């Protein structure tokens, strides 16, 4: 897939406020500080389209980016240890859950997981939740350049092992690095496949 254009299309506080155009959507979500904005910028070939921050919890709304004038990349708030109030976290959770369950245009969720760490409970719970609700997804291991390849491979194997406890077939997992552009073509191929499946 060639990215010819990518523009910010707006932010929404609820899924009902999201763009009304019947364009397919692919959502990106992961723990706070997982490197989501950097990965989005790398995939779209733009330096500061999605706002990056060293402070977790930067993304607080449902952000839509119109790509190639025919599909939306959706940047969802992270989950985990963002330094916000419990009430705010609960509001985010309700907003995200409503979007994931009710947004008909959603084709696939890209679940971002930090490659530097062993499987985290919150990630596994979220992945299994998507499975229970029959929401298609792909797991993207991020920040692969921040650890030795051997450690990344070990963490990947551990994640596959943990998921095998609940899944007959282990979900697709791709290794990425925003800094080195690792996995860019593979992720774009996944997106292209999802888009082509939707159009048939």
Foldseek 3Di string as FASTA:
>chain_A
DDFPDKAWDDWDLALVPPDPDLAAEEEEEEAWPLCGQLVVCLLNVHDPRDPDDPQTFPDLTWIWMQTPVGYTYTYAHYDDDHPDDPVSNVSSVVRVVNNQQPVPRYQEYEYEDALQDADDPVSLVVVVVCVVSVHHYAYEHEPCVVDDVVSSVVNVVRVQVVVVVPDVDGGHYHYAYSVVRGCSVVVVVVVVVSNVVVVD
